Amino acid sequence: MKPDQRTYAAAVSYAQCSPSECFFTDDIERYVLAARSLNLS
């Protein structure tokens, strides 16, 4: 579950793209910060 980094890594893997090609949005700041720590846009 968010903000576990494995959740974001699994989503990037499923999308078959690099993290910088993914867009993440959420209304909870700690989830956004966790995604950014993995280079998600």
Protein backbone atom coordinates (compact mmCIF):
# COMPACT_ATOMS: atom_id res chain seq x y z
CA MET A 1 0.00 0.00 0.00
CA LYS A 2 1.06 3.57 -0.49
CA PRO A 3 3.50 5.02 0.46
CA ASP A 4 5.47 1.73 0.40
CA GLN A 5 8.01 2.13 -2.40
CA ARG A 6 7.29 -1.40 -3.62
CA THR A 7 3.82 -0.22 -4.63
CA TYR A 8 5.21 2.48 -6.89
CA ALA A 9 7.91 0.16 -8.28
CA ALA A 10 5.26 -2.44 -9.14
CA ALA A 11 3.17 0.19 -10.95
CA VAL A 12 6.17 1.35 -12.99
CA SER A 13 7.03 -2.24 -13.85
CA TYR A 14 3.45 -2.93 -14.91
CA ALA A 15 3.44 0.20 -17.10
CA GLN A 16 6.68 -0.97 -18.75
CA CYS A 17 8.25 2.47 -18.73
CA SER A 18 10.84 4.39 -16.79
CA PRO A 19 9.76 6.20 -13.61
CA SER A 20 10.40 9.59 -15.24
CA GLU A 21 7.82 8.71 -17.91
CA CYS A 22 5.12 8.10 -15.30
CA PHE A 23 2.85 10.77 -13.89
CA PHE A 24 1.64 10.42 -10.33
CA THR A 25 -0.96 12.57 -8.66
CA ASP A 26 -2.59 12.32 -5.26
CA ASP A 27 -4.14 14.63 -2.69
CA ILE A 28 -1.98 13.24 0.12
CA GLU A 29 1.41 14.92 0.25
CA ARG A 30 3.33 11.98 1.75
CA TYR A 31 2.23 9.78 -1.17
CA VAL A 32 3.42 12.37 -3.66
CA LEU A 33 6.74 12.74 -1.85
CA ALA A 34 7.22 8.97 -1.83
CA ALA A 35 6.55 8.81 -5.58
CA ARG A 36 8.97 11.66 -6.23
CA SER A 37 11.66 9.85 -4.24
CA LEU A 38 11.49 7.17 -6.94
CA ASN A 39 11.69 9.76 -9.74
CA LEU A 40 8.04 9.59 -10.73
CA SER A 41 6.84 12.85 -12.21
